[in-house]
């Protein structure tokens, strides 16, 4: 597994932040924002760990071998590394974008010592998410070729076979990964009771939508303390959108700082890995 630790320059950190990136094309498109966010949080006093799931990005392996269970295992391995870096007794936060947020929620159920979770525009329903990704490929094909050769419903039916393959914008989506993604639904699985949640809606809307509000209520019913916020920003995980998201980064940093001592006067570096 490839990872980068953005280490705060002081001898002790205010906390550790484990970043669970988005998947496939969304991960590539959001990379610039996630790097900027990690550097910002490090300068505010945190140790921040970004990593690539096995078979993704700079980690060894091929995307066709990615599974949801494997990604959850990878998050656990990364959390153990970050815990060693920050030391015992220092609070750990998990932060996820889109499907990475869904993975963070599931992983929090098996990883001990997670005090906070940051959810940036989380994917709530895995089945709807992956169906949308397949439809987007079909639309893109129609725009470039003038006629679509990809029937989304046919592809989704084929992917119900574990041995199926589909080219998802250069990423080989397998039936096994498709099944694992469809098995995640955040309206039915929750972080441990008592977890602090920062639920951030990132869209062209400045008001919190019904889906976000309903999910916040479900989290609160599960015993979590939730702050929900709607920020009007470009969806930076899409290839046609902007690649900066300072409003979201600053709002998240402000939430993280509540109840923590001020950081030592030291610069965070660009990281080492």
C-alpha atoms as a PDB file:
ATOM      1  CA  UNK A   1       0.000   0.000   0.000  1.00  0.00           C
ATOM      2  CA  UNK A   2       1.198   3.470  -0.915  1.00  0.00           C
ATOM      3  CA  UNK A   3       0.612   6.257   1.585  1.00  0.00           C
ATOM      4  CA  UNK A   4       1.676   9.799   2.412  1.00  0.00           C
ATOM      5  CA  UNK A   5       1.824  11.133   5.956  1.00  0.00           C
ATOM      6  CA  UNK A   6       1.375  14.893   6.208  1.00  0.00           C
ATOM      7  CA  UNK A   7       3.049  15.386   9.554  1.00  0.00           C
ATOM      8  CA  UNK A   8       2.572  18.392  11.803  1.00  0.00           C
ATOM      9  CA  UNK A   9       5.961  19.892  12.584  1.00  0.00           C
ATOM     10  CA  UNK A  10       5.546  20.013  16.373  1.00  0.00           C
ATOM     11  CA  UNK A  11       6.617  17.193  18.655  1.00  0.00           C
ATOM     12  CA  UNK A  12       3.012  16.267  19.386  1.00  0.00           C
ATOM     13  CA  UNK A  13      -0.092  16.443  17.206  1.00  0.00           C
ATOM     14  CA  UNK A  14      -3.595  17.588  18.143  1.00  0.00           C
ATOM     15  CA  UNK A  15      -4.930  14.423  16.545  1.00  0.00           C
ATOM     16  CA  UNK A  16      -4.667  12.101  13.602  1.00  0.00           C
ATOM     17  CA  UNK A  17      -6.832  12.189  10.489  1.00  0.00           C
ATOM     18  CA  UNK A  18      -7.154   9.130   8.269  1.00  0.00           C
ATOM     19  CA  UNK A  19      -8.395  10.023   4.783  1.00  0.00           C
ATOM     20  CA  UNK A  20     -10.526   7.504   2.880  1.00  0.00           C
ATOM     21  CA  UNK A  21     -10.457   8.677  -0.713  1.00  0.00           C
ATOM     22  CA  UNK A  22     -13.177   8.295  -3.301  1.00  0.00           C
ATOM     23  CA  UNK A  23     -13.124   5.447  -5.787  1.00  0.00           C
ATOM     24  CA  UNK A  24     -11.838   5.193  -9.365  1.00  0.00           C
ATOM     25  CA  UNK A  25     -12.406   8.313 -11.515  1.00  0.00           C
ATOM     26  CA  UNK A  26     -13.745  10.327  -8.576  1.00  0.00           C
ATOM     27  CA  UNK A  27     -10.527   9.661  -6.686  1.00  0.00           C
ATOM     28  CA  UNK A  28      -8.420  10.902  -9.610  1.00  0.00           C
ATOM     29  CA  UNK A  29     -10.491  14.055 -10.110  1.00  0.00           C
ATOM     30  CA  UNK A  30     -10.544  14.957  -6.398  1.00  0.00           C
ATOM     31  CA  UNK A  31      -6.836  14.374  -5.786  1.00  0.00           C
ATOM     32  CA  UNK A  32      -5.808  18.038  -5.900  1.00  0.00           C
ATOM     33  CA  UNK A  33      -8.449  19.063  -3.343  1.00  0.00           C
ATOM     34  CA  UNK A  34      -7.592  16.168  -1.032  1.00  0.00           C
ATOM     35  CA  UNK A  35      -3.901  17.067  -1.108  1.00  0.00           C
ATOM     36  CA  UNK A  36      -4.713  20.692  -0.283  1.00  0.00           C
ATOM     37  CA  UNK A  37      -7.010  19.569   2.543  1.00  0.00           C
ATOM     38  CA  UNK A  38      -4.354  17.274   4.037  1.00  0.00           C
ATOM     39  CA  UNK A  39      -1.767  20.061   3.982  1.00  0.00           C
ATOM     40  CA  UNK A  40      -4.230  22.506   5.553  1.00  0.00           C
ATOM     41  CA  UNK A  41      -5.096  20.114   8.394  1.00  0.00           C
ATOM     42  CA  UNK A  42      -1.416  19.354   8.983  1.00  0.00           C
ATOM     43  CA  UNK A  43      -0.651  23.067   9.284  1.00  0.00           C
ATOM     44  CA  UNK A  44      -3.453  23.261  11.872  1.00  0.00           C
ATOM     45  CA  UNK A  45      -1.737  20.698  14.089  1.00  0.00           C
ATOM     46  CA  UNK A  46      -2.856  17.277  12.852  1.00  0.00           C
ATOM     47  CA  UNK A  47      -1.043  14.277  11.444  1.00  0.00           C
ATOM     48  CA  UNK A  48      -2.911  13.372   8.246  1.00  0.00           C
ATOM     49  CA  UNK A  49      -2.548  10.059   6.430  1.00  0.00           C
ATOM     50  CA  UNK A  50      -3.678   9.584   2.851  1.00  0.00           C
ATOM     51  CA  UNK A  51      -3.270   6.197   1.248  1.00  0.00           C
ATOM     52  CA  UNK A  52      -4.266   4.252  -1.853  1.00  0.00           C
ATOM     53  CA  UNK A  53      -6.282   1.090  -1.363  1.00  0.00           C
ATOM     54  CA  UNK A  54      -4.518  -1.991  -2.644  1.00  0.00           C
ATOM     55  CA  UNK A  55      -4.879  -2.371  -6.427  1.00  0.00           C
ATOM     56  CA  UNK A  56      -5.655   1.367  -6.716  1.00  0.00           C
ATOM     57  CA  UNK A  57      -3.587   4.438  -7.528  1.00  0.00           C
ATOM     58  CA  UNK A  58       0.087   4.077  -6.574  1.00  0.00           C
ATOM     59  CA  UNK A  59      -0.450   0.887  -4.566  1.00  0.00           C
ATOM     60  CA  UNK A  60       0.521  -2.444  -6.059  1.00  0.00           C
ATOM     61  CA  UNK A  61      -1.962  -4.528  -8.012  1.00  0.00           C
ATOM     62  CA  UNK A  62      -4.682  -4.015 -10.612  1.00  0.00           C
ATOM     63  CA  UNK A  63      -8.101  -2.473 -10.128  1.00  0.00           C
ATOM     64  CA  UNK A  64      -9.833  -5.664 -11.255  1.00  0.00           C
ATOM     65  CA  UNK A  65      -8.801  -7.211  -7.920  1.00  0.00           C
ATOM     66  CA  UNK A  66     -10.371  -4.509  -5.722  1.00  0.00           C
ATOM     67  CA  UNK A  67     -13.078  -5.658  -3.298  1.00  0.00           C
ATOM     68  CA  UNK A  68     -15.049  -3.839  -0.618  1.00  0.00           C
ATOM     69  CA  UNK A  69     -13.827  -6.237   2.065  1.00  0.00           C
ATOM     70  CA  UNK A  70     -10.253  -5.608   0.937  1.00  0.00           C
ATOM     71  CA  UNK A  71     -10.689  -1.834   1.150  1.00  0.00           C
ATOM     72  CA  UNK A  72     -12.089  -2.129   4.682  1.00  0.00           C
ATOM     73  CA  UNK A  73      -9.049  -4.210   5.617  1.00  0.00           C
ATOM     74  CA  UNK A  74      -6.784  -1.562   4.071  1.00  0.00           C
ATOM     75  CA  UNK A  75      -8.419   1.172   6.151  1.00  0.00           C
ATOM     76  CA  UNK A  76      -7.697  -0.897   9.253  1.00  0.00           C
ATOM     77  CA  UNK A  77      -4.034  -1.297   8.301  1.00  0.00           C
ATOM     78  CA  UNK A  78      -3.719   2.438   7.622  1.00  0.00           C
ATOM     79  CA  UNK A  79      -5.358   3.294  10.954  1.00  0.00           C
ATOM     80  CA  UNK A  80      -2.828   1.141  12.811  1.00  0.00           C
ATOM     81  CA  UNK A  81       0.028   2.976  11.088  1.00  0.00           C
ATOM     82  CA  UNK A  82      -1.465   6.375  11.953  1.00  0.00           C
ATOM     83  CA  UNK A  83      -2.034   5.317  15.565  1.00  0.00           C
ATOM     84  CA  UNK A  84       1.650   4.472  15.913  1.00  0.00           C
ATOM     85  CA  UNK A  85       2.572   7.872  14.477  1.00  0.00           C
ATOM     86  CA  UNK A  86       0.353   9.988  16.752  1.00  0.00           C
ATOM     87  CA  UNK A  87       0.730   7.889  19.896  1.00  0.00           C
ATOM     88  CA  UNK A  88      -1.729   6.418  22.363  1.00  0.00           C
ATOM     89  CA  UNK A  89      -4.373   8.701  23.791  1.00  0.00           C
ATOM     90  CA  UNK A  90      -4.386  11.082  20.807  1.00  0.00           C
ATOM     91  CA  UNK A  91      -7.843  11.232  19.146  1.00  0.00           C
ATOM     92  CA  UNK A  92      -8.247   9.760  15.681  1.00  0.00           C
ATOM     93  CA  UNK A  93     -10.626  11.088  13.037  1.00  0.00           C
ATOM     94  CA  UNK A  94     -11.703   9.323   9.870  1.00  0.00           C
ATOM     95  CA  UNK A  95     -12.500  11.449   6.842  1.00  0.00           C
ATOM     96  CA  UNK A  96     -14.143  10.155   3.686  1.00  0.00           C
ATOM     97  CA  UNK A  97     -15.238  11.555   0.349  1.00  0.00           C
ATOM     98  CA  UNK A  98     -18.165  10.052  -1.587  1.00  0.00           C
ATOM     99  CA  UNK A  99     -17.787   6.242  -1.582  1.00  0.00           C
ATOM    100  CA  UNK A 100     -14.764   6.677   0.668  1.00  0.00           C
ATOM    101  CA  UNK A 101     -17.150   8.164   3.238  1.00  0.00           C
ATOM    102  CA  UNK A 102     -19.310   5.054   3.031  1.00  0.00           C
ATOM    103  CA  UNK A 103     -16.233   2.897   3.571  1.00  0.00           C
ATOM    104  CA  UNK A 104     -15.229   5.062   6.548  1.00  0.00           C
ATOM    105  CA  UNK A 105     -18.586   4.474   8.218  1.00  0.00           C
ATOM    106  CA  UNK A 106     -18.380   0.725   7.741  1.00  0.00           C
ATOM    107  CA  UNK A 107     -14.745   0.604   8.895  1.00  0.00           C
ATOM    108  CA  UNK A 108     -15.559   2.616  12.034  1.00  0.00           C
ATOM    109  CA  UNK A 109     -17.640  -0.330  13.199  1.00  0.00           C
ATOM    110  CA  UNK A 110     -14.569  -2.577  13.414  1.00  0.00           C
ATOM    111  CA  UNK A 111     -11.753  -0.094  14.175  1.00  0.00           C
ATOM    112  CA  UNK A 112     -11.472   0.968  17.807  1.00  0.00           C
ATOM    113  CA  UNK A 113     -10.639   4.459  18.978  1.00  0.00           C
ATOM    114  CA  UNK A 114     -12.270   6.553  16.252  1.00  0.00           C
ATOM    115  CA  UNK A 115     -13.593   9.689  17.955  1.00  0.00           C
ATOM    116  CA  UNK A 116     -14.850  11.625  14.921  1.00  0.00           C
ATOM    117  CA  UNK A 117     -15.890  11.002  11.330  1.00  0.00           C
ATOM    118  CA  UNK A 118     -15.962  13.593   8.560  1.00  0.00           C
ATOM    119  CA  UNK A 119     -18.358  12.726   5.747  1.00  0.00           C
ATOM    120  CA  UNK A 120     -17.941  14.801   2.599  1.00  0.00           C
ATOM    121  CA  UNK A 121     -20.969  14.268   0.325  1.00  0.00           C
ATOM    122  CA  UNK A 122     -21.228  10.615   1.364  1.00  0.00           C
ATOM    123  CA  UNK A 123     -22.558   7.905  -0.920  1.00  0.00           C
ATOM    124  CA  UNK A 124     -25.545   6.623   1.057  1.00  0.00           C
ATOM    125  CA  UNK A 125     -26.777   3.889  -1.271  1.00  0.00           C
ATOM    126  CA  UNK A 126     -24.104   1.846  -3.010  1.00  0.00           C
ATOM    127  CA  UNK A 127     -26.488   0.343  -5.564  1.00  0.00           C
ATOM    128  CA  UNK A 128     -27.704   3.757  -6.723  1.00  0.00           C
ATOM    129  CA  UNK A 129     -24.150   5.082  -6.769  1.00  0.00           C
ATOM    130  CA  UNK A 130     -22.731   2.380  -9.042  1.00  0.00           C
ATOM    131  CA  UNK A 131     -25.785   2.438 -11.301  1.00  0.00           C
ATOM    132  CA  UNK A 132     -25.218   6.177 -11.718  1.00  0.00           C
ATOM    133  CA  UNK A 133     -21.569   5.597 -12.638  1.00  0.00           C
ATOM    134  CA  UNK A 134     -22.560   3.096 -15.336  1.00  0.00           C
ATOM    135  CA  UNK A 135     -25.180   5.505 -16.718  1.00  0.00           C
ATOM    136  CA  UNK A 136     -22.572   8.261 -16.853  1.00  0.00           C
ATOM    137  CA  UNK A 137     -20.354   6.068 -19.051  1.00  0.00           C
ATOM    138  CA  UNK A 138     -23.312   5.494 -21.387  1.00  0.00           C
ATOM    139  CA  UNK A 139     -24.067   9.229 -21.602  1.00  0.00           C
ATOM    140  CA  UNK A 140     -20.417  10.059 -22.261  1.00  0.00           C
ATOM    141  CA  UNK A 141     -20.334   7.483 -25.037  1.00  0.00           C
ATOM    142  CA  UNK A 142     -23.464   8.966 -26.569  1.00  0.00           C
ATOM    143  CA  UNK A 143     -21.989  12.477 -26.493  1.00  0.00           C
ATOM    144  CA  UNK A 144     -18.758  11.408 -28.197  1.00  0.00           C
ATOM    145  CA  UNK A 145     -20.017   8.772 -30.646  1.00  0.00           C
ATOM    146  CA  UNK A 146     -23.496  10.130 -31.320  1.00  0.00           C
ATOM    147  CA  UNK A 147     -25.181   6.917 -30.257  1.00  0.00           C
ATOM    148  CA  UNK A 148     -24.863   4.859 -27.140  1.00  0.00           C
ATOM    149  CA  UNK A 149     -23.636   1.270 -27.378  1.00  0.00           C
ATOM    150  CA  UNK A 150     -23.908   0.745 -23.632  1.00  0.00           C
ATOM    151  CA  UNK A 151     -27.318  -0.117 -22.243  1.00  0.00           C
ATOM    152  CA  UNK A 152     -27.006   0.553 -18.498  1.00  0.00           C
ATOM    153  CA  UNK A 153     -29.663  -1.964 -17.491  1.00  0.00           C
ATOM    154  CA  UNK A 154     -28.041  -4.731 -19.522  1.00  0.00           C
ATOM    155  CA  UNK A 155     -24.650  -3.968 -17.955  1.00  0.00           C
ATOM    156  CA  UNK A 156     -26.066  -3.980 -14.417  1.00  0.00           C
ATOM    157  CA  UNK A 157     -27.739  -7.328 -15.018  1.00  0.00           C
ATOM    158  CA  UNK A 158     -24.479  -8.794 -16.336  1.00  0.00           C
ATOM    159  CA  UNK A 159     -22.574  -7.494 -13.316  1.00  0.00           C
ATOM    160  CA  UNK A 160     -24.739  -9.636 -11.071  1.00  0.00           C
ATOM    161  CA  UNK A 161     -22.428 -12.433 -12.238  1.00  0.00           C
ATOM    162  CA  UNK A 162     -19.313 -12.371 -10.030  1.00  0.00           C
ATOM    163  CA  UNK A 163     -17.071 -13.091 -13.037  1.00  0.00           C
ATOM    164  CA  UNK A 164     -18.425 -10.212 -15.156  1.00  0.00           C
ATOM    165  CA  UNK A 165     -16.255  -7.288 -16.265  1.00  0.00           C
ATOM    166  CA  UNK A 166     -17.115  -3.738 -17.344  1.00  0.00           C
ATOM    167  CA  UNK A 167     -14.830  -0.883 -18.396  1.00  0.00           C
ATOM    168  CA  UNK A 168     -15.794   1.975 -16.078  1.00  0.00           C
ATOM    169  CA  UNK A 169     -13.903   4.882 -17.667  1.00  0.00           C
ATOM    170  CA  UNK A 170     -10.643   2.952 -17.685  1.00  0.00           C
ATOM    171  CA  UNK A 171     -11.276   1.028 -14.453  1.00  0.00           C
ATOM    172  CA  UNK A 172     -12.197  -2.656 -14.760  1.00  0.00           C
ATOM    173  CA  UNK A 173     -15.296  -3.050 -12.632  1.00  0.00           C
ATOM    174  CA  UNK A 174     -15.891  -6.681 -11.679  1.00  0.00           C
ATOM    175  CA  UNK A 175     -19.063  -8.399 -10.630  1.00  0.00           C
ATOM    176  CA  UNK A 176     -17.499  -9.053  -7.236  1.00  0.00           C
ATOM    177  CA  UNK A 177     -16.760  -5.373  -6.618  1.00  0.00           C
ATOM    178  CA  UNK A 178     -20.184  -4.424  -7.959  1.00  0.00           C
ATOM    179  CA  UNK A 179     -21.826  -6.818  -5.490  1.00  0.00           C
ATOM    180  CA  UNK A 180     -19.803  -5.402  -2.592  1.00  0.00           C
ATOM    181  CA  UNK A 181     -20.679  -1.809  -3.482  1.00  0.00           C
ATOM    182  CA  UNK A 182     -24.380  -2.677  -3.773  1.00  0.00           C
ATOM    183  CA  UNK A 183     -24.179  -4.213  -0.298  1.00  0.00           C
ATOM    184  CA  UNK A 184     -23.410  -0.861   1.344  1.00  0.00           C
ATOM    185  CA  UNK A 185     -26.308   1.285   2.475  1.00  0.00           C
ATOM    186  CA  UNK A 186     -25.599   3.896   5.152  1.00  0.00           C
ATOM    187  CA  UNK A 187     -29.248   4.164   6.127  1.00  0.00           C
ATOM    188  CA  UNK A 188     -28.914   0.668   7.602  1.00  0.00           C
ATOM    189  CA  UNK A 189     -25.426   0.681   9.157  1.00  0.00           C
ATOM    190  CA  UNK A 190     -24.088   3.316  11.504  1.00  0.00           C
ATOM    191  CA  UNK A 191     -20.912   4.305  13.349  1.00  0.00           C
ATOM    192  CA  UNK A 192     -20.653   3.382  17.048  1.00  0.00           C
ATOM    193  CA  UNK A 193     -22.878   5.330  19.401  1.00  0.00           C
ATOM    194  CA  UNK A 194     -21.178   8.460  20.730  1.00  0.00           C
ATOM    195  CA  UNK A 195     -19.186   9.184  17.556  1.00  0.00           C
ATOM    196  CA  UNK A 196     -19.034  12.842  16.502  1.00  0.00           C
ATOM    197  CA  UNK A 197     -20.053  13.260  12.864  1.00  0.00           C
ATOM    198  CA  UNK A 198     -19.453  16.184  10.494  1.00  0.00           C
ATOM    199  CA  UNK A 199     -21.953  15.651   7.683  1.00  0.00           C
ATOM    200  CA  UNK A 200     -21.085  17.975   4.825  1.00  0.00           C
ATOM    201  CA  UNK A 201     -23.349  18.387   1.820  1.00  0.00           C
ATOM    202  CA  UNK A 202     -21.319  19.719  -1.111  1.00  0.00           C
ATOM    203  CA  UNK A 203     -23.414  20.862  -4.051  1.00  0.00           C
ATOM    204  CA  UNK A 204     -24.728  23.836  -5.973  1.00  0.00           C
ATOM    205  CA  UNK A 205     -27.390  24.267  -3.272  1.00  0.00           C
ATOM    206  CA  UNK A 206     -26.947  26.449  -0.209  1.00  0.00           C
ATOM    207  CA  UNK A 207     -29.725  24.732   1.761  1.00  0.00           C
ATOM    208  CA  UNK A 208     -29.564  21.284   3.300  1.00  0.00           C
ATOM    209  CA  UNK A 209     -31.597  18.852   1.233  1.00  0.00           C
ATOM    210  CA  UNK A 210     -34.113  16.311   2.495  1.00  0.00           C
ATOM    211  CA  UNK A 211     -31.803  13.319   1.998  1.00  0.00           C
ATOM    212  CA  UNK A 212     -29.023  14.848   4.105  1.00  0.00           C
ATOM    213  CA  UNK A 213     -31.441  15.853   6.868  1.00  0.00           C
ATOM    214  CA  UNK A 214     -32.998  12.402   6.990  1.00  0.00           C
ATOM    215  CA  UNK A 215     -29.577  10.767   7.174  1.00  0.00           C
ATOM    216  CA  UNK A 216     -28.541  13.114   9.995  1.00  0.00           C
ATOM    217  CA  UNK A 217     -31.653  12.094  11.935  1.00  0.00           C
ATOM    218  CA  UNK A 218     -30.797   8.404  11.446  1.00  0.00           C
ATOM    219  CA  UNK A 219     -27.278   9.010  12.776  1.00  0.00           C
ATOM    220  CA  UNK A 220     -28.651  10.850  15.792  1.00  0.00           C
ATOM    221  CA  UNK A 221     -31.090   7.999  16.431  1.00  0.00           C
ATOM    222  CA  UNK A 222     -28.077   5.669  16.487  1.00  0.00           C
ATOM    223  CA  UNK A 223     -26.517   7.782  19.269  1.00  0.00           C
ATOM    224  CA  UNK A 224     -24.127   9.883  17.197  1.00  0.00           C
ATOM    225  CA  UNK A 225     -23.626  13.615  17.656  1.00  0.00           C
ATOM    226  CA  UNK A 226     -24.114  15.204  14.246  1.00  0.00           C
ATOM    227  CA  UNK A 227     -23.334  18.590  12.784  1.00  0.00           C
ATOM    228  CA  UNK A 228     -24.793  18.898   9.312  1.00  0.00           C
ATOM    229  CA  UNK A 229     -23.886  21.671   6.943  1.00  0.00           C
ATOM    230  CA  UNK A 230     -24.628  22.577   3.323  1.00  0.00           C
ATOM    231  CA  UNK A 231     -21.810  24.280   1.432  1.00  0.00           C
ATOM    232  CA  UNK A 232     -22.289  25.704  -2.019  1.00  0.00           C
ATOM    233  CA  UNK A 233     -19.242  24.469  -3.906  1.00  0.00           C
ATOM    234  CA  UNK A 234     -18.445  22.792  -7.196  1.00  0.00           C
ATOM    235  CA  UNK A 235     -18.540  18.959  -7.017  1.00  0.00           C
ATOM    236  CA  UNK A 236     -14.771  18.692  -7.259  1.00  0.00           C
ATOM    237  CA  UNK A 237     -14.832  14.899  -7.745  1.00  0.00           C
ATOM    238  CA  UNK A 238     -16.319  15.331 -11.257  1.00  0.00           C
ATOM    239  CA  UNK A 239     -13.945  15.852 -14.195  1.00  0.00           C
ATOM    240  CA  UNK A 240     -15.799  18.856 -15.594  1.00  0.00           C
ATOM    241  CA  UNK A 241     -15.904  20.758 -12.318  1.00  0.00           C
ATOM    242  CA  UNK A 242     -13.488  23.023 -10.460  1.00  0.00           C
ATOM    243  CA  UNK A 243     -10.462  21.669  -8.601  1.00  0.00           C
ATOM    244  CA  UNK A 244     -10.487  23.874  -5.506  1.00  0.00           C
ATOM    245  CA  UNK A 245     -12.726  23.686  -2.495  1.00  0.00           C
ATOM    246  CA  UNK A 246     -11.416  26.081   0.136  1.00  0.00           C
ATOM    247  CA  UNK A 247     -14.790  26.744   1.758  1.00  0.00           C
ATOM    248  CA  UNK A 248     -15.269  23.054   2.574  1.00  0.00           C
ATOM    249  CA  UNK A 249     -11.713  22.660   3.867  1.00  0.00           C
ATOM    250  CA  UNK A 250     -11.960  25.695   6.155  1.00  0.00           C
ATOM    251  CA  UNK A 251     -15.379  24.689   7.501  1.00  0.00           C
ATOM    252  CA  UNK A 252     -14.077  21.200   8.272  1.00  0.00           C
ATOM    253  CA  UNK A 253     -10.980  22.583   9.993  1.00  0.00           C
ATOM    254  CA  UNK A 254     -13.162  24.813  12.168  1.00  0.00           C
ATOM    255  CA  UNK A 255     -15.275  21.820  13.224  1.00  0.00           C
ATOM    256  CA  UNK A 256     -12.170  19.781  14.024  1.00  0.00           C
ATOM    257  CA  UNK A 257     -10.773  22.544  16.217  1.00  0.00           C
ATOM    258  CA  UNK A 258     -13.752  22.679  18.583  1.00  0.00           C
ATOM    259  CA  UNK A 259     -12.709  21.527  22.055  1.00  0.00           C
ATOM    260  CA  UNK A 260      -9.049  21.045  21.139  1.00  0.00           C
ATOM    261  CA  UNK A 261      -6.094  23.045  22.446  1.00  0.00           C
ATOM    262  CA  UNK A 262      -4.462  25.529  20.089  1.00  0.00           C
ATOM    263  CA  UNK A 263      -1.721  24.011  17.944  1.00  0.00           C
ATOM    264  CA  UNK A 264       1.939  24.710  18.625  1.00  0.00           C
ATOM    265  CA  UNK A 265       3.480  27.374  16.430  1.00  0.00           C
ATOM    266  CA  UNK A 266       5.024  25.046  13.888  1.00  0.00           C
ATOM    267  CA  UNK A 267       4.585  24.515  10.189  1.00  0.00           C
ATOM    268  CA  UNK A 268       3.291  21.221   8.856  1.00  0.00           C
ATOM    269  CA  UNK A 269       5.480  19.847   6.066  1.00  0.00           C
ATOM    270  CA  UNK A 270       4.448  18.379   2.719  1.00  0.00           C
ATOM    271  CA  UNK A 271       4.499  14.912   4.181  1.00  0.00           C
ATOM    272  CA  UNK A 272       6.606  11.815   3.915  1.00  0.00           C
ATOM    273  CA  UNK A 273       5.623   8.331   2.954  1.00  0.00           C
END
